[in-house]
Amino acid sequence: MHEGIDMVPGKNTPIGAIAAGTVRVSGMGGAYGQYAIIDHQIDGQTVSSLYAHMVLGSSPLRVGDRVNVGDLVGRVGNSGVSTGAHLHLSILLGGTLQIDPQLWLETNAGRVL
């Protein structure tokens, strides 16, 4: 089951972090290719954002790094199991439970998190 949204802004488009947080994962991950997971504390709970299929080597992130909203996560690519350059974005409540990322973004976009 595909749990996430795919965005197609064009190859090499910079990807910005959706909120401030701490990098939990940054590296290669099978079907995800080059990917990263950032843990955020929002309204007293952990909400994680997962960014996948980035251009190989484009992410400056290392596990434990602190990021601010908009900081560079990497660049839109075609790594892993992918049929074209795109960003796969997932939102994970509690760090593991995948929810509808589009609904979450629509509800939370523009908030000071």
PDB file of N, CA and C in Angstrom:
ATOM      1  N   MET A   1       0.835  -1.177   0.000  1.00  0.00           N
ATOM      2  CA  MET A   1       0.000   0.000   0.000  1.00  0.00           C
ATOM      3  C   MET A   1       0.881   1.243   0.000  1.00  0.00           C
ATOM      4  N   HIS A   2       0.590   2.174  -0.857  1.00  0.00           N
ATOM      5  CA  HIS A   2       1.360   3.416  -0.977  1.00  0.00           C
ATOM      6  C   HIS A   2       0.830   4.416   0.038  1.00  0.00           C
ATOM      7  N   GLU A   3       1.598   4.638   1.096  1.00  0.00           N
ATOM      8  CA  GLU A   3       1.195   5.546   2.169  1.00  0.00           C
ATOM      9  C   GLU A   3       2.037   6.809   2.097  1.00  0.00           C
ATOM     10  N   GLY A   4       1.556   7.784   1.382  1.00  0.00           N
ATOM     11  CA  GLY A   4       2.281   9.031   1.243  1.00  0.00           C
ATOM     12  C   GLY A   4       1.756   9.765   0.030  1.00  0.00           C
ATOM     13  N   ILE A   5       2.375  10.887  -0.262  1.00  0.00           N
ATOM     14  CA  ILE A   5       2.031  11.603  -1.482  1.00  0.00           C
ATOM     15  C   ILE A   5       3.295  11.773  -2.306  1.00  0.00           C
ATOM     16  N   ASP A   6       3.115  11.776  -3.600  1.00  0.00           N
ATOM     17  CA  ASP A   6       4.217  11.981  -4.519  1.00  0.00           C
ATOM     18  C   ASP A   6       4.063  13.363  -5.140  1.00  0.00           C
ATOM     19  N   MET A   7       5.127  14.149  -5.039  1.00  0.00           N
ATOM     20  CA  MET A   7       5.141  15.497  -5.590  1.00  0.00           C
ATOM     21  C   MET A   7       6.166  15.543  -6.716  1.00  0.00           C
ATOM     22  N   VAL A   8       5.830  16.241  -7.802  1.00  0.00           N
ATOM     23  CA  VAL A   8       6.675  16.246  -8.991  1.00  0.00           C
ATOM     24  C   VAL A   8       7.039  17.686  -9.368  1.00  0.00           C
ATOM     25  N   PRO A   9       7.913  18.317  -8.570  1.00  0.00           N
ATOM     26  CA  PRO A   9       8.307  19.690  -8.884  1.00  0.00           C
ATOM     27  C   PRO A   9       9.463  19.794  -9.867  1.00  0.00           C
ATOM     28  N   GLY A  10      10.029  18.646 -10.250  1.00  0.00           N
ATOM     29  CA  GLY A  10      11.150  18.627 -11.183  1.00  0.00           C
ATOM     30  C   GLY A  10      12.426  18.135 -10.520  1.00  0.00           C
ATOM     31  N   LYS A  11      13.222  17.399 -11.288  1.00  0.00           N
ATOM     32  CA  LYS A  11      14.481  16.847 -10.775  1.00  0.00           C
ATOM     33  C   LYS A  11      15.381  17.972 -10.282  1.00  0.00           C
ATOM     34  N   ASN A  12      16.038  17.717  -9.161  1.00  0.00           N
ATOM     35  CA  ASN A  12      16.992  18.611  -8.505  1.00  0.00           C
ATOM     36  C   ASN A  12      16.350  19.775  -7.753  1.00  0.00           C
ATOM     37  N   THR A  13      15.012  19.834  -7.695  1.00  0.00           N
ATOM     38  CA  THR A  13      14.354  20.869  -6.898  1.00  0.00           C
ATOM     39  C   THR A  13      14.727  20.670  -5.433  1.00  0.00           C
ATOM     40  N   PRO A  14      15.132  21.735  -4.725  1.00  0.00           N
ATOM     41  CA  PRO A  14      15.449  21.591  -3.303  1.00  0.00           C
ATOM     42  C   PRO A  14      14.215  21.194  -2.498  1.00  0.00           C
ATOM     43  N   ILE A  15      14.424  20.328  -1.517  1.00  0.00           N
ATOM     44  CA  ILE A  15      13.370  19.882  -0.601  1.00  0.00           C
ATOM     45  C   ILE A  15      13.637  20.528   0.748  1.00  0.00           C
ATOM     46  N   GLY A  16      12.652  21.232   1.289  1.00  0.00           N
ATOM     47  CA  GLY A  16      12.790  21.879   2.594  1.00  0.00           C
ATOM     48  C   GLY A  16      12.082  21.095   3.681  1.00  0.00           C
ATOM     49  N   ALA A  17      12.637  21.112   4.885  1.00  0.00           N
ATOM     50  CA  ALA A  17      12.011  20.457   6.034  1.00  0.00           C
ATOM     51  C   ALA A  17      10.669  21.126   6.335  1.00  0.00           C
ATOM     52  N   ILE A  18       9.651  20.315   6.652  1.00  0.00           N
ATOM     53  CA  ILE A  18       8.318  20.866   6.899  1.00  0.00           C
ATOM     54  C   ILE A  18       8.200  21.543   8.255  1.00  0.00           C
ATOM     55  N   ALA A  19       9.124  21.254   9.172  1.00  0.00           N
ATOM     56  CA  ALA A  19       9.104  21.845  10.518  1.00  0.00           C
ATOM     57  C   ALA A  19      10.473  21.614  11.152  1.00  0.00           C
ATOM     58  N   ALA A  20      10.738  22.324  12.231  1.00  0.00           N
ATOM     59  CA  ALA A  20      11.979  22.110  12.980  1.00  0.00           C
ATOM     60  C   ALA A  20      11.959  20.715  13.595  1.00  0.00           C
ATOM     61  N   GLY A  21      13.139  20.114  13.706  1.00  0.00           N
ATOM     62  CA  GLY A  21      13.194  18.787  14.308  1.00  0.00           C
ATOM     63  C   GLY A  21      14.596  18.228  14.335  1.00  0.00           C
ATOM     64  N   THR A  22      14.670  16.925  14.605  1.00  0.00           N
ATOM     65  CA  THR A  22      15.933  16.208  14.712  1.00  0.00           C
ATOM     66  C   THR A  22      15.943  15.057  13.713  1.00  0.00           C
ATOM     67  N   VAL A  23      17.031  14.918  12.980  1.00  0.00           N
ATOM     68  CA  VAL A  23      17.162  13.864  11.976  1.00  0.00           C
ATOM     69  C   VAL A  23      17.322  12.516  12.672  1.00  0.00           C
ATOM     70  N   ARG A  24      16.392  11.601  12.368  1.00  0.00           N
ATOM     71  CA  ARG A  24      16.456  10.244  12.919  1.00  0.00           C
ATOM     72  C   ARG A  24      17.154   9.288  11.961  1.00  0.00           C
ATOM     73  N   VAL A  25      16.910   9.471  10.645  1.00  0.00           N
ATOM     74  CA  VAL A  25      17.493   8.600   9.618  1.00  0.00           C
ATOM     75  C   VAL A  25      17.943   9.464   8.456  1.00  0.00           C
ATOM     76  N   SER A  26      19.099   9.144   7.897  1.00  0.00           N
ATOM     77  CA  SER A  26      19.553   9.779   6.669  1.00  0.00           C
ATOM     78  C   SER A  26      20.471   8.797   5.965  1.00  0.00           C
ATOM     79  N   GLY A  27      20.055   8.349   4.793  1.00  0.00           N
ATOM     80  CA  GLY A  27      20.888   7.391   4.071  1.00  0.00           C
ATOM     81  C   GLY A  27      20.124   6.715   2.966  1.00  0.00           C
ATOM     82  N   MET A  28      20.525   5.472   2.677  1.00  0.00           N
ATOM     83  CA  MET A  28      19.895   4.674   1.630  1.00  0.00           C
ATOM     84  C   MET A  28      18.937   3.680   2.274  1.00  0.00           C
ATOM     85  N   GLY A  29      17.792   3.458   1.616  1.00  0.00           N
ATOM     86  CA  GLY A  29      16.804   2.565   2.186  1.00  0.00           C
ATOM     87  C   GLY A  29      16.009   1.794   1.159  1.00  0.00           C
ATOM     88  N   GLY A  30      16.638   0.835   0.487  1.00  0.00           N
ATOM     89  CA  GLY A  30      15.914  -0.047  -0.418  1.00  0.00           C
ATOM     90  C   GLY A  30      15.026   0.692  -1.394  1.00  0.00           C
ATOM     91  N   ALA A  31      13.715   0.470  -1.277  1.00  0.00           N
ATOM     92  CA  ALA A  31      12.745   1.071  -2.190  1.00  0.00           C
ATOM     93  C   ALA A  31      12.753   2.592  -2.128  1.00  0.00           C
ATOM     94  N   TYR A  32      13.107   3.164  -0.966  1.00  0.00           N
ATOM     95  CA  TYR A  32      13.120   4.620  -0.807  1.00  0.00           C
ATOM     96  C   TYR A  32      14.326   5.279  -1.473  1.00  0.00           C
ATOM     97  N   GLY A  33      15.358   4.528  -1.769  1.00  0.00           N
ATOM     98  CA  GLY A  33      16.577   5.140  -2.287  1.00  0.00           C
ATOM     99  C   GLY A  33      17.169   6.060  -1.226  1.00  0.00           C
ATOM    100  N   GLN A  34      17.683   7.203  -1.657  1.00  0.00           N
ATOM    101  CA  GLN A  34      18.203   8.204  -0.713  1.00  0.00           C
ATOM    102  C   GLN A  34      17.000   8.803   0.019  1.00  0.00           C
ATOM    103  N   TYR A  35      17.003   8.693   1.363  1.00  0.00           N
ATOM    104  CA  TYR A  35      15.862   9.201   2.117  1.00  0.00           C
ATOM    105  C   TYR A  35      16.283   9.723   3.481  1.00  0.00           C
ATOM    106  N   ALA A  36      15.342  10.425   4.113  1.00  0.00           N
ATOM    107  CA  ALA A  36      15.584  10.951   5.454  1.00  0.00           C
ATOM    108  C   ALA A  36      14.270  10.946   6.222  1.00  0.00           C
ATOM    109  N   ILE A  37      14.394  10.771   7.540  1.00  0.00           N
ATOM    110  CA  ILE A  37      13.258  10.921   8.443  1.00  0.00           C
ATOM    111  C   ILE A  37      13.646  11.948   9.497  1.00  0.00           C
ATOM    112  N   ILE A  38      12.769  12.929   9.687  1.00  0.00           N
ATOM    113  CA  ILE A  38      12.986  13.973  10.690  1.00  0.00           C
ATOM    114  C   ILE A  38      11.870  13.873  11.720  1.00  0.00           C
ATOM    115  N   ASP A  39      12.240  13.837  12.999  1.00  0.00           N
ATOM    116  CA  ASP A  39      11.269  13.810  14.092  1.00  0.00           C
ATOM    117  C   ASP A  39      11.012  15.230  14.574  1.00  0.00           C
ATOM    118  N   HIS A  40       9.732  15.579  14.681  1.00  0.00           N
ATOM    119  CA  HIS A  40       9.301  16.902  15.128  1.00  0.00           C
ATOM    120  C   HIS A  40       8.455  16.733  16.389  1.00  0.00           C
ATOM    121  N   GLN A  41       8.499  17.694  17.292  1.00  0.00           N
ATOM    122  CA  GLN A  41       7.595  17.720  18.434  1.00  0.00           C
ATOM    123  C   GLN A  41       6.531  18.772  18.138  1.00  0.00           C
ATOM    124  N   ILE A  42       5.296  18.314  17.942  1.00  0.00           N
ATOM    125  CA  ILE A  42       4.206  19.204  17.560  1.00  0.00           C
ATOM    126  C   ILE A  42       3.021  18.928  18.474  1.00  0.00           C
ATOM    127  N   ASP A  43       2.560  19.965  19.148  1.00  0.00           N
ATOM    128  CA  ASP A  43       1.435  19.828  20.076  1.00  0.00           C
ATOM    129  C   ASP A  43       1.663  18.697  21.072  1.00  0.00           C
ATOM    130  N   GLY A  44       2.896  18.565  21.548  1.00  0.00           N
ATOM    131  CA  GLY A  44       3.221  17.583  22.578  1.00  0.00           C
ATOM    132  C   GLY A  44       3.371  16.157  22.097  1.00  0.00           C
ATOM    133  N   GLN A  45       3.351  15.933  20.784  1.00  0.00           N
ATOM    134  CA  GLN A  45       3.549  14.567  20.293  1.00  0.00           C
ATOM    135  C   GLN A  45       4.600  14.548  19.190  1.00  0.00           C
ATOM    136  N   THR A  46       5.171  13.369  18.988  1.00  0.00           N
ATOM    137  CA  THR A  46       6.146  13.191  17.920  1.00  0.00           C
ATOM    138  C   THR A  46       5.420  13.005  16.590  1.00  0.00           C
ATOM    139  N   VAL A  47       5.778  13.835  15.634  1.00  0.00           N
ATOM    140  CA  VAL A  47       5.295  13.721  14.258  1.00  0.00           C
ATOM    141  C   VAL A  47       6.552  13.662  13.403  1.00  0.00           C
ATOM    142  N   SER A  48       6.665  12.630  12.589  1.00  0.00           N
ATOM    143  CA  SER A  48       7.864  12.465  11.765  1.00  0.00           C
ATOM    144  C   SER A  48       7.524  12.682  10.297  1.00  0.00           C
ATOM    145  N   SER A  49       8.478  13.267   9.584  1.00  0.00           N
ATOM    146  CA  SER A  49       8.327  13.454   8.141  1.00  0.00           C
ATOM    147  C   SER A  49       9.395  12.618   7.447  1.00  0.00           C
ATOM    148  N   LEU A  50       8.960  11.899   6.401  1.00  0.00           N
ATOM    149  CA  LEU A  50       9.847  11.036   5.640  1.00  0.00           C
ATOM    150  C   LEU A  50       9.899  11.562   4.213  1.00  0.00           C
ATOM    151  N   TYR A  51      11.115  11.755   3.709  1.00  0.00           N
ATOM    152  CA  TYR A  51      11.362  12.298   2.366  1.00  0.00           C
ATOM    153  C   TYR A  51      12.151  11.238   1.599  1.00  0.00           C
ATOM    154  N   ALA A  52      11.617  10.762   0.460  1.00  0.00           N
ATOM    155  CA  ALA A  52      12.267   9.647  -0.243  1.00  0.00           C
ATOM    156  C   ALA A  52      12.497   9.940  -1.721  1.00  0.00           C
ATOM    157  N   HIS A  53      13.388   9.151  -2.314  1.00  0.00           N
ATOM    158  CA  HIS A  53      13.768   9.151  -3.739  1.00  0.00           C
ATOM    159  C   HIS A  53      14.644  10.347  -4.115  1.00  0.00           C
ATOM    160  N   MET A  54      15.376  10.885  -3.146  1.00  0.00           N
ATOM    161  CA  MET A  54      16.222  12.048  -3.421  1.00  0.00           C
ATOM    162  C   MET A  54      17.390  11.688  -4.337  1.00  0.00           C
ATOM    163  N   VAL A  55      17.956  12.710  -4.966  1.00  0.00           N
ATOM    164  CA  VAL A  55      19.169  12.543  -5.761  1.00  0.00           C
ATOM    165  C   VAL A  55      20.252  11.992  -4.831  1.00  0.00           C
ATOM    166  N   LEU A  56      20.930  10.946  -5.286  1.00  0.00           N
ATOM    167  CA  LEU A  56      21.983  10.336  -4.469  1.00  0.00           C
ATOM    168  C   LEU A  56      23.032  11.370  -4.082  1.00  0.00           C
ATOM    169  N   GLY A  57      23.341  11.419  -2.795  1.00  0.00           N
ATOM    170  CA  GLY A  57      24.358  12.333  -2.288  1.00  0.00           C
ATOM    171  C   GLY A  57      23.897  13.770  -2.100  1.00  0.00           C
ATOM    172  N   SER A  58      22.620  14.059  -2.339  1.00  0.00           N
ATOM    173  CA  SER A  58      22.162  15.452  -2.263  1.00  0.00           C
ATOM    174  C   SER A  58      21.763  15.900  -0.869  1.00  0.00           C
ATOM    175  N   SER A  59      21.625  14.967   0.049  1.00  0.00           N
ATOM    176  CA  SER A  59      21.206  15.349   1.402  1.00  0.00           C
ATOM    177  C   SER A  59      22.420  15.625   2.282  1.00  0.00           C
ATOM    178  N   PRO A  60      22.452  16.818   2.898  1.00  0.00           N
ATOM    179  CA  PRO A  60      23.546  17.135   3.809  1.00  0.00           C
ATOM    180  C   PRO A  60      23.292  16.615   5.223  1.00  0.00           C
ATOM    181  N   LEU A  61      22.151  15.992   5.456  1.00  0.00           N
ATOM    182  CA  LEU A  61      21.734  15.624   6.806  1.00  0.00           C
ATOM    183  C   LEU A  61      22.496  14.428   7.352  1.00  0.00           C
ATOM    184  N   ARG A  62      22.730  14.474   8.655  1.00  0.00           N
ATOM    185  CA  ARG A  62      23.337  13.370   9.397  1.00  0.00           C
ATOM    186  C   ARG A  62      22.451  13.091  10.601  1.00  0.00           C
ATOM    187  N   VAL A  63      22.402  11.832  11.013  1.00  0.00           N
ATOM    188  CA  VAL A  63      21.609  11.455  12.180  1.00  0.00           C
ATOM    189  C   VAL A  63      21.998  12.335  13.359  1.00  0.00           C
ATOM    190  N   GLY A  64      20.978  12.885  14.030  1.00  0.00           N
ATOM    191  CA  GLY A  64      21.201  13.741  15.191  1.00  0.00           C
ATOM    192  C   GLY A  64      21.226  15.222  14.869  1.00  0.00           C
ATOM    193  N   ASP A  65      21.342  15.580  13.577  1.00  0.00           N
ATOM    194  CA  ASP A  65      21.323  17.001  13.201  1.00  0.00           C
ATOM    195  C   ASP A  65      20.001  17.636  13.599  1.00  0.00           C
ATOM    196  N   ARG A  66      20.062  18.898  14.030  1.00  0.00           N
ATOM    197  CA  ARG A  66      18.854  19.706  14.242  1.00  0.00           C
ATOM    198  C   ARG A  66      18.611  20.496  12.975  1.00  0.00           C
ATOM    199  N   VAL A  67      17.348  20.545  12.551  1.00  0.00           N
ATOM    200  CA  VAL A  67      16.986  21.332  11.373  1.00  0.00           C
ATOM    201  C   VAL A  67      15.877  22.304  11.743  1.00  0.00           C
ATOM    202  N   ASN A  68      15.796  23.379  10.995  1.00  0.00           N
ATOM    203  CA  ASN A  68      14.715  24.343  11.122  1.00  0.00           C
ATOM    204  C   ASN A  68      13.791  24.206   9.930  1.00  0.00           C
ATOM    205  N   VAL A  69      12.589  24.734  10.053  1.00  0.00           N
ATOM    206  CA  VAL A  69      11.656  24.690   8.939  1.00  0.00           C
ATOM    207  C   VAL A  69      12.318  25.304   7.704  1.00  0.00           C
ATOM    208  N   GLY A  70      12.204  24.619   6.578  1.00  0.00           N
ATOM    209  CA  GLY A  70      12.771  25.105   5.324  1.00  0.00           C
ATOM    210  C   GLY A  70      14.205  24.709   5.062  1.00  0.00           C
ATOM    211  N   ASP A  71      14.921  24.198   6.071  1.00  0.00           N
ATOM    212  CA  ASP A  71      16.309  23.766   5.837  1.00  0.00           C
ATOM    213  C   ASP A  71      16.350  22.677   4.769  1.00  0.00           C
ATOM    214  N   LEU A  72      17.443  22.644   4.015  1.00  0.00           N
ATOM    215  CA  LEU A  72      17.604  21.685   2.939  1.00  0.00           C
ATOM    216  C   LEU A  72      17.652  20.252   3.469  1.00  0.00           C
ATOM    217  N   VAL A  73      16.752  19.419   2.956  1.00  0.00           N
ATOM    218  CA  VAL A  73      16.732  17.989   3.263  1.00  0.00           C
ATOM    219  C   VAL A  73      17.493  17.232   2.182  1.00  0.00           C
ATOM    220  N   GLY A  74      17.364  17.683   0.942  1.00  0.00           N
ATOM    221  CA  GLY A  74      18.007  17.056  -0.206  1.00  0.00           C
ATOM    222  C   GLY A  74      17.378  17.615  -1.468  1.00  0.00           C
ATOM    223  N   ARG A  75      17.550  16.899  -2.573  1.00  0.00           N
ATOM    224  CA  ARG A  75      16.995  17.351  -3.854  1.00  0.00           C
ATOM    225  C   ARG A  75      16.141  16.244  -4.469  1.00  0.00           C
ATOM    226  N   VAL A  76      15.070  16.659  -5.126  1.00  0.00           N
ATOM    227  CA  VAL A  76      14.144  15.720  -5.759  1.00  0.00           C
ATOM    228  C   VAL A  76      14.904  14.867  -6.769  1.00  0.00           C
ATOM    229  N   GLY A  77      14.711  13.548  -6.660  1.00  0.00           N
ATOM    230  CA  GLY A  77      15.426  12.641  -7.544  1.00  0.00           C
ATOM    231  C   GLY A  77      14.606  11.433  -7.938  1.00  0.00           C
ATOM    232  N   ASN A  78      15.338  10.372  -8.301  1.00  0.00           N
ATOM    233  CA  ASN A  78      14.723   9.174  -8.851  1.00  0.00           C
ATOM    234  C   ASN A  78      15.407   7.929  -8.289  1.00  0.00           C
ATOM    235  N   SER A  79      15.913   8.003  -7.055  1.00  0.00           N
ATOM    236  CA  SER A  79      16.631   6.866  -6.486  1.00  0.00           C
ATOM    237  C   SER A  79      15.648   5.855  -5.887  1.00  0.00           C
ATOM    238  N   GLY A  80      16.144   4.640  -5.700  1.00  0.00           N
ATOM    239  CA  GLY A  80      15.292   3.581  -5.165  1.00  0.00           C
ATOM    240  C   GLY A  80      14.331   3.060  -6.222  1.00  0.00           C
ATOM    241  N   VAL A  81      13.190   2.542  -5.772  1.00  0.00           N
ATOM    242  CA  VAL A  81      12.174   2.027  -6.686  1.00  0.00           C
ATOM    243  C   VAL A  81      11.289   3.198  -7.087  1.00  0.00           C
ATOM    244  N   SER A  82      11.546   3.713  -8.259  1.00  0.00           N
ATOM    245  CA  SER A  82      10.897   4.933  -8.720  1.00  0.00           C
ATOM    246  C   SER A  82      10.844   4.915 -10.236  1.00  0.00           C
ATOM    247  N   THR A  83       9.778   5.492 -10.798  1.00  0.00           N
ATOM    248  CA  THR A  83       9.648   5.516 -12.251  1.00  0.00           C
ATOM    249  C   THR A  83       9.897   6.902 -12.832  1.00  0.00           C
ATOM    250  N   GLY A  84      10.331   7.824 -11.997  1.00  0.00           N
ATOM    251  CA  GLY A  84      10.634   9.174 -12.451  1.00  0.00           C
ATOM    252  C   GLY A  84      10.947  10.057 -11.254  1.00  0.00           C
ATOM    253  N   ALA A  85      11.587  11.181 -11.514  1.00  0.00           N
ATOM    254  CA  ALA A  85      11.984  12.089 -10.433  1.00  0.00           C
ATOM    255  C   ALA A  85      10.751  12.625  -9.713  1.00  0.00           C
ATOM    256  N   HIS A  86      10.708  12.415  -8.398  1.00  0.00           N
ATOM    257  CA  HIS A  86       9.622  12.927  -7.565  1.00  0.00           C
ATOM    258  C   HIS A  86      10.027  12.850  -6.096  1.00  0.00           C
ATOM    259  N   LEU A  87       9.292  13.579  -5.265  1.00  0.00           N
ATOM    260  CA  LEU A  87       9.458  13.477  -3.816  1.00  0.00           C
ATOM    261  C   LEU A  87       8.317  12.641  -3.274  1.00  0.00           C
ATOM    262  N   HIS A  88       8.647  11.584  -2.570  1.00  0.00           N
ATOM    263  CA  HIS A  88       7.646  10.820  -1.816  1.00  0.00           C
ATOM    264  C   HIS A  88       7.708  11.362  -0.401  1.00  0.00           C
ATOM    265  N   LEU A  89       6.586  11.886   0.098  1.00  0.00           N
ATOM    266  CA  LEU A  89       6.505  12.439   1.446  1.00  0.00           C
ATOM    267  C   LEU A  89       5.504  11.648   2.261  1.00  0.00           C
ATOM    268  N   SER A  90       5.933  11.177   3.423  1.00  0.00           N
ATOM    269  CA  SER A  90       5.046  10.504   4.370  1.00  0.00           C
ATOM    270  C   SER A  90       5.076  11.247   5.689  1.00  0.00           C
ATOM    271  N   ILE A  91       3.956  11.189   6.417  1.00  0.00           N
ATOM    272  CA  ILE A  91       3.854  11.734   7.772  1.00  0.00           C
ATOM    273  C   ILE A  91       3.555  10.567   8.697  1.00  0.00           C
ATOM    274  N   LEU A  92       4.324  10.471   9.791  1.00  0.00           N
ATOM    275  CA  LEU A  92       4.224   9.355  10.722  1.00  0.00           C
ATOM    276  C   LEU A  92       3.912   9.880  12.127  1.00  0.00           C
ATOM    277  N   LEU A  93       2.711   9.616  12.625  1.00  0.00           N
ATOM    278  CA  LEU A  93       2.370  10.012  13.994  1.00  0.00           C
ATOM    279  C   LEU A  93       3.058   9.063  14.959  1.00  0.00           C
ATOM    280  N   GLY A  94       3.589   9.619  16.041  1.00  0.00           N
ATOM    281  CA  GLY A  94       4.316   8.798  17.001  1.00  0.00           C
ATOM    282  C   GLY A  94       5.564   8.180  16.412  1.00  0.00           C
ATOM    283  N   GLY A  95       5.980   8.671  15.250  1.00  0.00           N
ATOM    284  CA  GLY A  95       7.187   8.182  14.604  1.00  0.00           C
ATOM    285  C   GLY A  95       6.994   6.961  13.741  1.00  0.00           C
ATOM    286  N   THR A  96       5.788   6.324  13.771  1.00  0.00           N
ATOM    287  CA  THR A  96       5.599   5.083  13.015  1.00  0.00           C
ATOM    288  C   THR A  96       4.262   4.969  12.285  1.00  0.00           C
ATOM    289  N   LEU A  97       3.200   5.565  12.794  1.00  0.00           N
ATOM    290  CA  LEU A  97       1.865   5.396  12.217  1.00  0.00           C
ATOM    291  C   LEU A  97       1.665   6.316  11.026  1.00  0.00           C
ATOM    292  N   GLN A  98       1.590   5.736   9.830  1.00  0.00           N
ATOM    293  CA  GLN A  98       1.440   6.549   8.626  1.00  0.00           C
ATOM    294  C   GLN A  98       0.014   7.070   8.521  1.00  0.00           C
ATOM    295  N   ILE A  99      -0.086   8.379   8.252  1.00  0.00           N
ATOM    296  CA  ILE A  99      -1.380   9.015   8.066  1.00  0.00           C
ATOM    297  C   ILE A  99      -1.379   9.730   6.715  1.00  0.00           C
ATOM    298  N   ASP A 100      -2.514  10.295   6.337  1.00  0.00           N
ATOM    299  CA  ASP A 100      -2.638  11.019   5.075  1.00  0.00           C
ATOM    300  C   ASP A 100      -1.818  12.312   5.158  1.00  0.00           C
ATOM    301  N   PRO A 101      -0.692  12.386   4.444  1.00  0.00           N
ATOM    302  CA  PRO A 101       0.161  13.573   4.554  1.00  0.00           C
ATOM    303  C   PRO A 101      -0.486  14.819   3.974  1.00  0.00           C
ATOM    304  N   GLN A 102      -1.288  14.667   2.937  1.00  0.00           N
ATOM    305  CA  GLN A 102      -1.919  15.844   2.347  1.00  0.00           C
ATOM    306  C   GLN A 102      -2.891  16.478   3.338  1.00  0.00           C
ATOM    307  N   LEU A 103      -3.690  15.676   4.012  1.00  0.00           N
ATOM    308  CA  LEU A 103      -4.619  16.198   5.010  1.00  0.00           C
ATOM    309  C   LEU A 103      -3.852  16.853   6.156  1.00  0.00           C
ATOM    310  N   TRP A 104      -2.761  16.206   6.589  1.00  0.00           N
ATOM    311  CA  TRP A 104      -1.962  16.767   7.685  1.00  0.00           C
ATOM    312  C   TRP A 104      -1.374  18.113   7.271  1.00  0.00           C
ATOM    313  N   LEU A 105      -0.829  18.191   6.064  1.00  0.00           N
ATOM    314  CA  LEU A 105      -0.244  19.452   5.588  1.00  0.00           C
ATOM    315  C   LEU A 105      -1.306  20.540   5.461  1.00  0.00           C
ATOM    316  N   GLU A 106      -2.473  20.190   4.923  1.00  0.00           N
ATOM    317  CA  GLU A 106      -3.546  21.181   4.790  1.00  0.00           C
ATOM    318  C   GLU A 106      -3.983  21.714   6.147  1.00  0.00           C
ATOM    319  N   THR A 107      -3.993  20.858   7.156  1.00  0.00           N
ATOM    320  CA  THR A 107      -4.400  21.256   8.506  1.00  0.00           C
ATOM    321  C   THR A 107      -3.337  22.090   9.198  1.00  0.00           C
ATOM    322  N   ASN A 108      -2.062  21.801   8.931  1.00  0.00           N
ATOM    323  CA  ASN A 108      -0.975  22.409   9.694  1.00  0.00           C
ATOM    324  C   ASN A 108      -0.135  23.427   8.953  1.00  0.00           C
ATOM    325  N   ALA A 109      -0.294  23.573   7.649  1.00  0.00           N
ATOM    326  CA  ALA A 109       0.518  24.517   6.877  1.00  0.00           C
ATOM    327  C   ALA A 109       0.305  25.936   7.395  1.00  0.00           C
ATOM    328  N   GLY A 110       1.400  26.630   7.565  1.00  0.00           N
ATOM    329  CA  GLY A 110       1.338  28.029   7.994  1.00  0.00           C
ATOM    330  C   GLY A 110       1.323  28.213   9.496  1.00  0.00           C
ATOM    331  N   ARG A 111       1.157  27.135  10.257  1.00  0.00           N
ATOM    332  CA  ARG A 111       1.203  27.235  11.717  1.00  0.00           C
ATOM    333  C   ARG A 111       2.635  27.473  12.150  1.00  0.00           C
ATOM    334  N   VAL A 112       2.807  28.122  13.257  1.00  0.00           N
ATOM    335  CA  VAL A 112       4.122  28.238  13.862  1.00  0.00           C
ATOM    336  C   VAL A 112       4.278  26.992  14.720  1.00  0.00           C
ATOM    337  N   LEU A 113       5.130  26.053  14.252  1.00  0.00           N
ATOM    338  CA  LEU A 113       5.273  24.776  14.942  1.00  0.00           C
ATOM    339  C   LEU A 113       6.510  24.739  15.806  1.00  0.00           C
TER     340      LEU A 113
END
